[in-house]
């Protein structure tokens, strides 16, 4: 499955492949977030998106993955207009006095 960024250069999928747009919010281990729109091919799964965004060696067990605010399985098929949230379950500790991570 091909998942591409909407902005910038984007490969054009073959004519027979249907594409749709989804909204993706990612939060890494340090609490940094990014929100982007992605173009996906018909039949793309959360697994396809997860490993594309997080890297092939990423461990899905270390992330909370939701589609449209619902917990889903890794083989869930994405639909046009889906909102995907991938959040690390590990966040750094914060020192409340200094306002920095420990």
PDB file of N, CA and C in Angstrom:
ATOM      1  N   UNK A   1       0.832  -1.172   0.000  1.00  0.00           N
ATOM      2  CA  UNK A   1       0.000   0.000   0.000  1.00  0.00           C
ATOM      3  C   UNK A   1       0.879   1.239   0.000  1.00  0.00           C
ATOM      4  N   UNK A   2       0.495   2.237  -0.732  1.00  0.00           N
ATOM      5  CA  UNK A   2       1.262   3.470  -0.810  1.00  0.00           C
ATOM      6  C   UNK A   2       0.572   4.555  -0.005  1.00  0.00           C
ATOM      7  N   UNK A   3       1.313   5.158   0.914  1.00  0.00           N
ATOM      8  CA  UNK A   3       0.801   6.265   1.699  1.00  0.00           C
ATOM      9  C   UNK A   3       1.755   7.418   1.484  1.00  0.00           C
ATOM     10  N   UNK A   4       1.250   8.560   1.058  1.00  0.00           N
ATOM     11  CA  UNK A   4       2.094   9.682   0.688  1.00  0.00           C
ATOM     12  C   UNK A   4       1.690  10.938   1.429  1.00  0.00           C
ATOM     13  N   UNK A   5       2.628  11.875   1.541  1.00  0.00           N
ATOM     14  CA  UNK A   5       2.294  13.182   2.076  1.00  0.00           C
ATOM     15  C   UNK A   5       1.538  13.951   1.019  1.00  0.00           C
ATOM     16  N   UNK A   6       0.560  14.749   1.456  1.00  0.00           N
ATOM     17  CA  UNK A   6      -0.205  15.530   0.494  1.00  0.00           C
ATOM     18  C   UNK A   6       0.628  16.702  -0.008  1.00  0.00           C
ATOM     19  N   UNK A   7       1.339  17.352   0.889  1.00  0.00           N
ATOM     20  CA  UNK A   7       2.138  18.500   0.494  1.00  0.00           C
ATOM     21  C   UNK A   7       3.428  18.029  -0.164  1.00  0.00           C
ATOM     22  N   UNK A   8       3.978  18.857  -1.013  1.00  0.00           N
ATOM     23  CA  UNK A   8       5.233  18.515  -1.665  1.00  0.00           C
ATOM     24  C   UNK A   8       5.050  17.482  -2.736  1.00  0.00           C
ATOM     25  N   UNK A   9       6.135  16.794  -3.080  1.00  0.00           N
ATOM     26  CA  UNK A   9       6.061  15.783  -4.129  1.00  0.00           C
ATOM     27  C   UNK A   9       5.277  14.577  -3.652  1.00  0.00           C
ATOM     28  N   UNK A  10       4.482  14.050  -4.543  1.00  0.00           N
ATOM     29  CA  UNK A  10       3.671  12.892  -4.209  1.00  0.00           C
ATOM     30  C   UNK A  10       3.614  11.995  -5.422  1.00  0.00           C
ATOM     31  N   UNK A  11       3.852  10.710  -5.222  1.00  0.00           N
ATOM     32  CA  UNK A  11       3.746   9.794  -6.343  1.00  0.00           C
ATOM     33  C   UNK A  11       2.271   9.591  -6.673  1.00  0.00           C
ATOM     34  N   UNK A  12       1.959   9.509  -7.948  1.00  0.00           N
ATOM     35  CA  UNK A  12       0.586   9.314  -8.388  1.00  0.00           C
ATOM     36  C   UNK A  12       0.318   7.819  -8.459  1.00  0.00           C
ATOM     37  N   UNK A  13      -0.692   7.322  -7.725  1.00  0.00           N
ATOM     38  CA  UNK A  13      -0.978   5.894  -7.760  1.00  0.00           C
ATOM     39  C   UNK A  13      -1.515   5.468  -9.111  1.00  0.00           C
ATOM     40  N   UNK A  14      -1.390   4.187  -9.412  1.00  0.00           N
ATOM     41  CA  UNK A  14      -1.913   3.642 -10.663  1.00  0.00           C
ATOM     42  C   UNK A  14      -3.402   3.949 -10.770  1.00  0.00           C
ATOM     43  N   UNK A  15      -3.896   4.086 -12.001  1.00  0.00           N
ATOM     44  CA  UNK A  15      -5.278   4.482 -12.233  1.00  0.00           C
ATOM     45  C   UNK A  15      -6.274   3.590 -11.501  1.00  0.00           C
ATOM     46  N   UNK A  16      -6.020   2.273 -11.432  1.00  0.00           N
ATOM     47  CA  UNK A  16      -6.981   1.379 -10.817  1.00  0.00           C
ATOM     48  C   UNK A  16      -7.013   1.482  -9.294  1.00  0.00           C
ATOM     49  N   UNK A  17      -6.000   2.086  -8.696  1.00  0.00           N
ATOM     50  CA  UNK A  17      -5.981   2.246  -7.251  1.00  0.00           C
ATOM     51  C   UNK A  17      -6.788   3.475  -6.863  1.00  0.00           C
ATOM     52  N   UNK A  18      -7.751   3.308  -5.999  1.00  0.00           N
ATOM     53  CA  UNK A  18      -8.527   4.436  -5.496  1.00  0.00           C
ATOM     54  C   UNK A  18      -7.763   5.036  -4.328  1.00  0.00           C
ATOM     55  N   UNK A  19      -7.795   6.343  -4.210  1.00  0.00           N
ATOM     56  CA  UNK A  19      -7.103   6.995  -3.105  1.00  0.00           C
ATOM     57  C   UNK A  19      -8.091   7.814  -2.298  1.00  0.00           C
ATOM     58  N   UNK A  20      -7.736   8.041  -1.053  1.00  0.00           N
ATOM     59  CA  UNK A  20      -8.545   8.893  -0.204  1.00  0.00           C
ATOM     60  C   UNK A  20      -7.615   9.630   0.744  1.00  0.00           C
ATOM     61  N   UNK A  21      -8.168  10.601   1.440  1.00  0.00           N
ATOM     62  CA  UNK A  21      -7.380  11.407   2.348  1.00  0.00           C
ATOM     63  C   UNK A  21      -7.799  11.106   3.780  1.00  0.00           C
ATOM     64  N   UNK A  22      -6.804  11.019   4.674  1.00  0.00           N
ATOM     65  CA  UNK A  22      -7.065  10.847   6.095  1.00  0.00           C
ATOM     66  C   UNK A  22      -6.264  11.901   6.844  1.00  0.00           C
ATOM     67  N   UNK A  23      -6.590  12.120   8.100  1.00  0.00           N
ATOM     68  CA  UNK A  23      -5.907  13.074   8.959  1.00  0.00           C
ATOM     69  C   UNK A  23      -5.166  12.283  10.026  1.00  0.00           C
ATOM     70  N   UNK A  24      -3.866  12.541  10.198  1.00  0.00           N
ATOM     71  CA  UNK A  24      -3.031  11.756  11.108  1.00  0.00           C
ATOM     72  C   UNK A  24      -2.402  12.666  12.158  1.00  0.00           C
ATOM     73  N   UNK A  25      -2.539  12.287  13.432  1.00  0.00           N
ATOM     74  CA  UNK A  25      -1.885  12.993  14.532  1.00  0.00           C
ATOM     75  C   UNK A  25      -0.927  12.009  15.193  1.00  0.00           C
ATOM     76  N   UNK A  26       0.351  12.369  15.255  1.00  0.00           N
ATOM     77  CA  UNK A  26       1.376  11.499  15.843  1.00  0.00           C
ATOM     78  C   UNK A  26       1.985  12.181  17.059  1.00  0.00           C
ATOM     79  N   UNK A  27       2.203  11.433  18.141  1.00  0.00           N
ATOM     80  CA  UNK A  27       2.889  11.938  19.320  1.00  0.00           C
ATOM     81  C   UNK A  27       4.018  10.969  19.640  1.00  0.00           C
ATOM     82  N   UNK A  28       5.261  11.476  19.671  1.00  0.00           N
ATOM     83  CA  UNK A  28       6.399  10.588  19.897  1.00  0.00           C
ATOM     84  C   UNK A  28       6.685  10.401  21.388  1.00  0.00           C
ATOM     85  N   UNK A  29       7.769   9.673  21.695  1.00  0.00           N
ATOM     86  CA  UNK A  29       8.133   9.367  23.080  1.00  0.00           C
ATOM     87  C   UNK A  29       8.420  10.609  23.914  1.00  0.00           C
ATOM     88  N   UNK A  30       8.762  11.711  23.273  1.00  0.00           N
ATOM     89  CA  UNK A  30       9.089  12.936  23.992  1.00  0.00           C
ATOM     90  C   UNK A  30       7.898  13.872  24.132  1.00  0.00           C
ATOM     91  N   UNK A  31       6.738  13.439  23.678  1.00  0.00           N
ATOM     92  CA  UNK A  31       5.545  14.270  23.777  1.00  0.00           C
ATOM     93  C   UNK A  31       5.390  15.246  22.629  1.00  0.00           C
ATOM     94  N   UNK A  32       6.294  15.192  21.634  1.00  0.00           N
ATOM     95  CA  UNK A  32       6.180  16.071  20.469  1.00  0.00           C
ATOM     96  C   UNK A  32       5.072  15.559  19.556  1.00  0.00           C
ATOM     97  N   UNK A  33       4.262  16.470  19.045  1.00  0.00           N
ATOM     98  CA  UNK A  33       3.143  16.077  18.187  1.00  0.00           C
ATOM     99  C   UNK A  33       3.271  16.686  16.812  1.00  0.00           C
ATOM    100  N   UNK A  34       2.702  16.000  15.838  1.00  0.00           N
ATOM    101  CA  UNK A  34       2.576  16.550  14.491  1.00  0.00           C
ATOM    102  C   UNK A  34       1.229  16.112  13.951  1.00  0.00           C
ATOM    103  N   UNK A  35       0.634  16.968  13.152  1.00  0.00           N
ATOM    104  CA  UNK A  35      -0.666  16.653  12.550  1.00  0.00           C
ATOM    105  C   UNK A  35      -0.555  16.906  11.057  1.00  0.00           C
ATOM    106  N   UNK A  36      -0.883  15.906  10.263  1.00  0.00           N
ATOM    107  CA  UNK A  36      -0.751  16.001   8.814  1.00  0.00           C
ATOM    108  C   UNK A  36      -1.885  15.269   8.126  1.00  0.00           C
ATOM    109  N   UNK A  37      -2.111  15.643   6.897  1.00  0.00           N
ATOM    110  CA  UNK A  37      -3.040  14.896   6.056  1.00  0.00           C
ATOM    111  C   UNK A  37      -2.211  13.926   5.230  1.00  0.00           C
ATOM    112  N   UNK A  38      -2.727  12.745   5.027  1.00  0.00           N
ATOM    113  CA  UNK A  38      -2.059  11.730   4.225  1.00  0.00           C
ATOM    114  C   UNK A  38      -3.021  11.223   3.170  1.00  0.00           C
ATOM    115  N   UNK A  39      -2.470  10.856   2.021  1.00  0.00           N
ATOM    116  CA  UNK A  39      -3.241  10.236   0.953  1.00  0.00           C
ATOM    117  C   UNK A  39      -2.925   8.750   1.000  1.00  0.00           C
ATOM    118  N   UNK A  40      -3.955   7.921   1.030  1.00  0.00           N
ATOM    119  CA  UNK A  40      -3.766   6.475   1.133  1.00  0.00           C
ATOM    120  C   UNK A  40      -4.448   5.768  -0.028  1.00  0.00           C
ATOM    121  N   UNK A  41      -3.976   4.572  -0.332  1.00  0.00           N
ATOM    122  CA  UNK A  41      -4.625   3.769  -1.369  1.00  0.00           C
ATOM    123  C   UNK A  41      -5.767   2.984  -0.747  1.00  0.00           C
ATOM    124  N   UNK A  42      -6.697   2.599  -1.579  1.00  0.00           N
ATOM    125  CA  UNK A  42      -7.833   1.809  -1.124  1.00  0.00           C
ATOM    126  C   UNK A  42      -7.314   0.516  -0.501  1.00  0.00           C
ATOM    127  N   UNK A  43      -7.837   0.159   0.648  1.00  0.00           N
ATOM    128  CA  UNK A  43      -7.438  -1.070   1.317  1.00  0.00           C
ATOM    129  C   UNK A  43      -6.281  -0.915   2.291  1.00  0.00           C
ATOM    130  N   UNK A  44      -5.714   0.296   2.421  1.00  0.00           N
ATOM    131  CA  UNK A  44      -4.607   0.503   3.361  1.00  0.00           C
ATOM    132  C   UNK A  44      -5.089   0.238   4.785  1.00  0.00           C
ATOM    133  N   UNK A  45      -4.216  -0.357   5.585  1.00  0.00           N
ATOM    134  CA  UNK A  45      -4.555  -0.680   6.975  1.00  0.00           C
ATOM    135  C   UNK A  45      -3.786   0.219   7.934  1.00  0.00           C
ATOM    136  N   UNK A  46      -4.177   0.156   9.191  1.00  0.00           N
ATOM    137  CA  UNK A  46      -3.439   0.862  10.235  1.00  0.00           C
ATOM    138  C   UNK A  46      -1.992   0.388  10.251  1.00  0.00           C
ATOM    139  N   UNK A  47      -1.766  -0.894  10.039  1.00  0.00           N
ATOM    140  CA  UNK A  47      -0.411  -1.434  10.003  1.00  0.00           C
ATOM    141  C   UNK A  47       0.421  -0.739   8.927  1.00  0.00           C
ATOM    142  N   UNK A  48      -0.145  -0.573   7.726  1.00  0.00           N
ATOM    143  CA  UNK A  48       0.566   0.111   6.640  1.00  0.00           C
ATOM    144  C   UNK A  48       0.963   1.521   7.071  1.00  0.00           C
ATOM    145  N   UNK A  49       0.004   2.251   7.618  1.00  0.00           N
ATOM    146  CA  UNK A  49       0.246   3.629   8.043  1.00  0.00           C
ATOM    147  C   UNK A  49       1.230   3.681   9.206  1.00  0.00           C
ATOM    148  N   UNK A  50       1.043   2.823  10.205  1.00  0.00           N
ATOM    149  CA  UNK A  50       1.886   2.833  11.394  1.00  0.00           C
ATOM    150  C   UNK A  50       3.357   2.663  11.037  1.00  0.00           C
ATOM    151  N   UNK A  51       3.678   1.624  10.275  1.00  0.00           N
ATOM    152  CA  UNK A  51       5.085   1.363   9.964  1.00  0.00           C
ATOM    153  C   UNK A  51       5.659   2.388   8.998  1.00  0.00           C
ATOM    154  N   UNK A  52       4.841   2.973   8.141  1.00  0.00           N
ATOM    155  CA  UNK A  52       5.301   4.051   7.259  1.00  0.00           C
ATOM    156  C   UNK A  52       5.689   5.275   8.098  1.00  0.00           C
ATOM    157  N   UNK A  53       4.861   5.618   9.068  1.00  0.00           N
ATOM    158  CA  UNK A  53       5.083   6.823   9.871  1.00  0.00           C
ATOM    159  C   UNK A  53       6.111   6.624  10.983  1.00  0.00           C
ATOM    160  N   UNK A  54       6.086   5.464  11.634  1.00  0.00           N
ATOM    161  CA  UNK A  54       6.907   5.248  12.818  1.00  0.00           C
ATOM    162  C   UNK A  54       8.195   4.479  12.532  1.00  0.00           C
ATOM    163  N   UNK A  55       8.335   3.935  11.347  1.00  0.00           N
ATOM    164  CA  UNK A  55       9.524   3.177  10.985  1.00  0.00           C
ATOM    165  C   UNK A  55       9.276   1.684  11.067  1.00  0.00           C
ATOM    166  N   UNK A  56      10.017   0.940  10.249  1.00  0.00           N
ATOM    167  CA  UNK A  56       9.764  -0.505  10.145  1.00  0.00           C
ATOM    168  C   UNK A  56      10.103  -1.271  11.417  1.00  0.00           C
ATOM    169  N   UNK A  57      10.932  -0.703  12.291  1.00  0.00           N
ATOM    170  CA  UNK A  57      11.305  -1.392  13.529  1.00  0.00           C
ATOM    171  C   UNK A  57      10.470  -0.963  14.733  1.00  0.00           C
ATOM    172  N   UNK A  58       9.493  -0.086  14.520  1.00  0.00           N
ATOM    173  CA  UNK A  58       8.657   0.394  15.628  1.00  0.00           C
ATOM    174  C   UNK A  58       7.816  -0.745  16.194  1.00  0.00           C
ATOM    175  N   UNK A  59       7.554  -0.682  17.484  1.00  0.00           N
ATOM    176  CA  UNK A  59       6.763  -1.709  18.165  1.00  0.00           C
ATOM    177  C   UNK A  59       5.362  -1.160  18.435  1.00  0.00           C
ATOM    178  N   UNK A  60       4.331  -1.663  17.750  1.00  0.00           N
ATOM    179  CA  UNK A  60       2.968  -1.161  17.948  1.00  0.00           C
ATOM    180  C   UNK A  60       2.483  -1.269  19.394  1.00  0.00           C
ATOM    181  N   UNK A  61       3.043  -2.198  20.169  1.00  0.00           N
ATOM    182  CA  UNK A  61       2.626  -2.358  21.564  1.00  0.00           C
ATOM    183  C   UNK A  61       3.006  -1.149  22.418  1.00  0.00           C
ATOM    184  N   UNK A  62       3.923  -0.317  21.931  1.00  0.00           N
ATOM    185  CA  UNK A  62       4.355   0.860  22.679  1.00  0.00           C
ATOM    186  C   UNK A  62       3.545   2.106  22.335  1.00  0.00           C
ATOM    187  N   UNK A  63       2.495   1.933  21.535  1.00  0.00           N
ATOM    188  CA  UNK A  63       1.687   3.066  21.094  1.00  0.00           C
ATOM    189  C   UNK A  63       0.207   2.780  21.264  1.00  0.00           C
ATOM    190  N   UNK A  64      -0.537   3.825  21.549  1.00  0.00           N
ATOM    191  CA  UNK A  64      -1.989   3.761  21.560  1.00  0.00           C
ATOM    192  C   UNK A  64      -2.441   4.275  20.198  1.00  0.00           C
ATOM    193  N   UNK A  65      -3.131   3.435  19.437  1.00  0.00           N
ATOM    194  CA  UNK A  65      -3.572   3.808  18.091  1.00  0.00           C
ATOM    195  C   UNK A  65      -5.095   3.850  18.089  1.00  0.00           C
ATOM    196  N   UNK A  66      -5.642   4.989  17.657  1.00  0.00           N
ATOM    197  CA  UNK A  66      -7.094   5.136  17.584  1.00  0.00           C
ATOM    198  C   UNK A  66      -7.483   5.681  16.210  1.00  0.00           C
ATOM    199  N   UNK A  67      -8.655   5.281  15.749  1.00  0.00           N
ATOM    200  CA  UNK A  67      -9.236   5.817  14.521  1.00  0.00           C
ATOM    201  C   UNK A  67     -10.589   6.397  14.899  1.00  0.00           C
ATOM    202  N   UNK A  68     -10.768   7.671  14.593  1.00  0.00           N
ATOM    203  CA  UNK A  68     -12.016   8.361  14.939  1.00  0.00           C
ATOM    204  C   UNK A  68     -12.360   8.180  16.420  1.00  0.00           C
ATOM    205  N   UNK A  69     -11.318   8.303  17.261  1.00  0.00           N
ATOM    206  CA  UNK A  69     -11.412   8.217  18.720  1.00  0.00           C
ATOM    207  C   UNK A  69     -11.739   6.825  19.256  1.00  0.00           C
ATOM    208  N   UNK A  70     -11.719   5.825  18.406  1.00  0.00           N
ATOM    209  CA  UNK A  70     -12.017   4.451  18.824  1.00  0.00           C
ATOM    210  C   UNK A  70     -10.743   3.611  18.796  1.00  0.00           C
ATOM    211  N   UNK A  71     -10.582   2.751  19.798  1.00  0.00           N
ATOM    212  CA  UNK A  71      -9.461   1.807  19.793  1.00  0.00           C
ATOM    213  C   UNK A  71      -9.726   0.771  18.706  1.00  0.00           C
ATOM    214  N   UNK A  72      -8.706   0.420  17.951  1.00  0.00           N
ATOM    215  CA  UNK A  72      -8.864  -0.493  16.818  1.00  0.00           C
ATOM    216  C   UNK A  72      -7.736  -1.522  16.826  1.00  0.00           C
ATOM    217  N   UNK A  73      -7.830  -2.509  15.940  1.00  0.00           N
ATOM    218  CA  UNK A  73      -6.762  -3.492  15.780  1.00  0.00           C
ATOM    219  C   UNK A  73      -5.836  -3.037  14.655  1.00  0.00           C
ATOM    220  N   UNK A  74      -4.648  -3.600  14.615  1.00  0.00           N
ATOM    221  CA  UNK A  74      -3.629  -3.192  13.649  1.00  0.00           C
ATOM    222  C   UNK A  74      -4.035  -3.510  12.209  1.00  0.00           C
ATOM    223  N   UNK A  75      -4.972  -4.436  12.014  1.00  0.00           N
ATOM    224  CA  UNK A  75      -5.403  -4.785  10.658  1.00  0.00           C
ATOM    225  C   UNK A  75      -6.637  -3.998  10.202  1.00  0.00           C
ATOM    226  N   UNK A  76      -7.050  -3.003  10.987  1.00  0.00           N
ATOM    227  CA  UNK A  76      -8.201  -2.160  10.640  1.00  0.00           C
ATOM    228  C   UNK A  76      -7.955  -1.452   9.304  1.00  0.00           C
ATOM    229  N   UNK A  77      -8.914  -1.503   8.401  1.00  0.00           N
ATOM    230  CA  UNK A  77      -8.799  -0.836   7.099  1.00  0.00           C
ATOM    231  C   UNK A  77      -9.236   0.622   7.223  1.00  0.00           C
ATOM    232  N   UNK A  78      -8.401   1.509   6.705  1.00  0.00           N
ATOM    233  CA  UNK A  78      -8.692   2.935   6.762  1.00  0.00           C
ATOM    234  C   UNK A  78      -9.750   3.315   5.732  1.00  0.00           C
ATOM    235  N   UNK A  79     -10.564   4.306   6.085  1.00  0.00           N
ATOM    236  CA  UNK A  79     -11.641   4.790   5.231  1.00  0.00           C
ATOM    237  C   UNK A  79     -11.427   6.272   4.938  1.00  0.00           C
ATOM    238  N   UNK A  80     -11.988   6.781   3.828  1.00  0.00           N
ATOM    239  CA  UNK A  80     -11.862   8.206   3.523  1.00  0.00           C
ATOM    240  C   UNK A  80     -12.334   9.058   4.703  1.00  0.00           C
ATOM    241  N   UNK A  81     -11.548  10.084   5.026  1.00  0.00           N
ATOM    242  CA  UNK A  81     -11.915  11.004   6.092  1.00  0.00           C
ATOM    243  C   UNK A  81     -11.575  10.548   7.494  1.00  0.00           C
ATOM    244  N   UNK A  82     -10.984   9.351   7.662  1.00  0.00           N
ATOM    245  CA  UNK A  82     -10.619   8.875   8.997  1.00  0.00           C
ATOM    246  C   UNK A  82      -9.654   9.842   9.667  1.00  0.00           C
ATOM    247  N   UNK A  83      -9.761   9.920  10.997  1.00  0.00           N
ATOM    248  CA  UNK A  83      -8.819  10.675  11.818  1.00  0.00           C
ATOM    249  C   UNK A  83      -8.061   9.652  12.662  1.00  0.00           C
ATOM    250  N   UNK A  84      -6.766   9.554  12.422  1.00  0.00           N
ATOM    251  CA  UNK A  84      -5.926   8.559  13.093  1.00  0.00           C
ATOM    252  C   UNK A  84      -5.053   9.264  14.125  1.00  0.00           C
ATOM    253  N   UNK A  85      -5.012   8.721  15.340  1.00  0.00           N
ATOM    254  CA  UNK A  85      -4.151   9.247  16.390  1.00  0.00           C
ATOM    255  C   UNK A  85      -3.220   8.136  16.850  1.00  0.00           C
ATOM    256  N   UNK A  86      -1.907   8.400  16.794  1.00  0.00           N
ATOM    257  CA  UNK A  86      -0.895   7.459  17.274  1.00  0.00           C
ATOM    258  C   UNK A  86      -0.148   8.164  18.398  1.00  0.00           C
ATOM    259  N   UNK A  87      -0.267   7.640  19.616  1.00  0.00           N
ATOM    260  CA  UNK A  87       0.325   8.278  20.787  1.00  0.00           C
ATOM    261  C   UNK A  87       1.221   7.291  21.513  1.00  0.00           C
ATOM    262  N   UNK A  88       2.439   7.713  21.809  1.00  0.00           N
ATOM    263  CA  UNK A  88       3.342   6.874  22.593  1.00  0.00           C
ATOM    264  C   UNK A  88       2.767   6.701  23.989  1.00  0.00           C
ATOM    265  N   UNK A  89       2.900   5.511  24.542  1.00  0.00           N
ATOM    266  CA  UNK A  89       2.445   5.295  25.912  1.00  0.00           C
ATOM    267  C   UNK A  89       3.533   5.654  26.915  1.00  0.00           C
ATOM    268  N   UNK A  90       4.701   6.073  26.430  1.00  0.00           N
ATOM    269  CA  UNK A  90       5.808   6.481  27.291  1.00  0.00           C
ATOM    270  C   UNK A  90       6.047   7.976  27.116  1.00  0.00           C
ATOM    271  N   UNK A  91       5.820   8.728  28.163  1.00  0.00           N
ATOM    272  CA  UNK A  91       6.100  10.156  28.142  1.00  0.00           C
ATOM    273  C   UNK A  91       7.161  10.449  29.186  1.00  0.00           C
ATOM    274  N   UNK A  92       7.992  11.473  28.967  1.00  0.00           N
ATOM    275  CA  UNK A  92       9.018  11.801  29.956  1.00  0.00           C
ATOM    276  C   UNK A  92       8.385  12.373  31.226  1.00  0.00           C
ATOM    277  N   UNK A  93       9.096  12.236  32.336  1.00  0.00           N
ATOM    278  CA  UNK A  93       8.662  12.845  33.588  1.00  0.00           C
ATOM    279  C   UNK A  93       9.019  14.320  33.567  1.00  0.00           C
ATOM    280  N   UNK A  94       8.170  15.139  34.180  1.00  0.00           N
ATOM    281  CA  UNK A  94       8.418  16.578  34.214  1.00  0.00           C
ATOM    282  C   UNK A  94       8.686  17.025  35.640  1.00  0.00           C
ATOM    283  N   UNK A  95       9.703  17.866  35.792  1.00  0.00           N
ATOM    284  CA  UNK A  95       9.992  18.498  37.064  1.00  0.00           C
ATOM    285  C   UNK A  95       9.118  19.746  37.129  1.00  0.00           C
ATOM    286  N   UNK A  96       8.142  19.768  38.038  1.00  0.00           N
ATOM    287  CA  UNK A  96       7.198  20.878  38.103  1.00  0.00           C
ATOM    288  C   UNK A  96       7.856  22.187  38.527  1.00  0.00           C
ATOM    289  N   UNK A  97       8.966  22.112  39.263  1.00  0.00           N
ATOM    290  CA  UNK A  97       9.639  23.331  39.702  1.00  0.00           C
ATOM    291  C   UNK A  97      10.399  23.994  38.562  1.00  0.00           C
ATOM    292  N   UNK A  98      11.067  23.203  37.735  1.00  0.00           N
ATOM    293  CA  UNK A  98      11.883  23.782  36.659  1.00  0.00           C
ATOM    294  C   UNK A  98      11.146  23.819  35.330  1.00  0.00           C
ATOM    295  N   UNK A  99      10.098  23.013  35.190  1.00  0.00           N
ATOM    296  CA  UNK A  99       9.351  22.989  33.934  1.00  0.00           C
ATOM    297  C   UNK A  99      10.065  22.240  32.824  1.00  0.00           C
ATOM    298  N   UNK A 100      11.020  21.390  33.182  1.00  0.00           N
ATOM    299  CA  UNK A 100      11.744  20.633  32.159  1.00  0.00           C
ATOM    300  C   UNK A 100      11.614  19.139  32.421  1.00  0.00           C
ATOM    301  N   UNK A 101      11.963  18.360  31.387  1.00  0.00           N
ATOM    302  CA  UNK A 101      11.886  16.909  31.554  1.00  0.00           C
ATOM    303  C   UNK A 101      13.028  16.423  32.419  1.00  0.00           C
ATOM    304  N   UNK A 102      12.803  15.331  33.112  1.00  0.00           N
ATOM    305  CA  UNK A 102      13.790  14.781  34.040  1.00  0.00           C
ATOM    306  C   UNK A 102      14.519  13.642  33.377  1.00  0.00           C
TER     307      UNK A 102
END
